[in-house]
Each structure stands twice: as C-alpha cells, then as structure tokens.
C-alpha cells in the first residue's frame, strides 16, 4: 500500500515518539531484509533506524558486511518494525484483540553508503549517553561513521490470523 502523509505519521508514532528504537522499550530493534547474490533471503537486526519526514529514514551502516554488499548490488529493502513489549502481547492474549497492529513492514530503496553527518550520529547516540561509561559503548556505538538514507514507498501492517484490531494504520 502506498504511504500517505497520515500513514507516515502513524508509522512514526508506532516506531516511537523519539523515532529512536533504543529509547523505546516496546520496540528495541527492527529487522532489515535484503537478498543475497544467490537469491536467498538475508535478515539482520538493526537498532539505528531513525524515521524522518516525507517517508524517509536513515540508519547507521556499520556492522553488517553482508547487508552492505547486498544493498550495493540491489537497493531494495524491507524493514520489519515489530512490537516486542511483553505487556502488549499479554494484553492481546488476555483480551483476544490487538490495540493496534503488532508490526509494520516498510518497503523502499536505500541510497548510497555515505559519511553520516554529526547531526545524524548525535540523533542516534543521544539516548545512549547514559551508557558511555560502560566498556561495551565504544565498540558498539562509538565507531559509527557511515549511513544510508532510505526512501520508503509502501507499507503493510502485520496480520496475525483471526485476531481483531481495534486500530489500524
């Protein structure tokens, strides 16, 4: 389904008010799906996706060599945003219905790998500032320098069988 302005605002709200996954306990990461050279699928978890304006996003491209190679060859991408909050799922099971869709698939095309701006890096790192004193901070997030823009053209909500939805996008 094409993304309207209203849909995009709802998708961004689903992702989290701060548009930063690590700031939201309900969506700690998302899944990027690409296609390997032999045609087989490849998925990878990412925590650096930031959704901006006008159906666009950005992510820091640092860890996944396979994803980078796949996107250099074929720029199409599908990203799964999935609610992982235990309370969301407990409430759904108890009441037999969803407050909203449990997930959203975003389809689009990525831009060239490029040096990230200071503003983009800071937008991602700001919620992580509390973790700077820990040993794992620098090897995980201290070295991120490159990223890619993503241009989303369509989306689908994730459906789970016969469960009813109170609100849809």
Foldseek 3Di string as FASTA:
>chain_A
DFADQVNLVVVCVLCPPLQFQCVDPFFNWKKKWFAAPVRHIDIDTFRAWGDDPDQKIKGQPDDDPRVLVRCVVPFKMKMKTFGPDPVQVVVCVVVQAHQEFRIKIWIWGKDHKDWDDPVSLCSHCVVVVVVVVDPPCCVVRVPGTIMIMTHTTDMDGDDDPPHYYPDYD
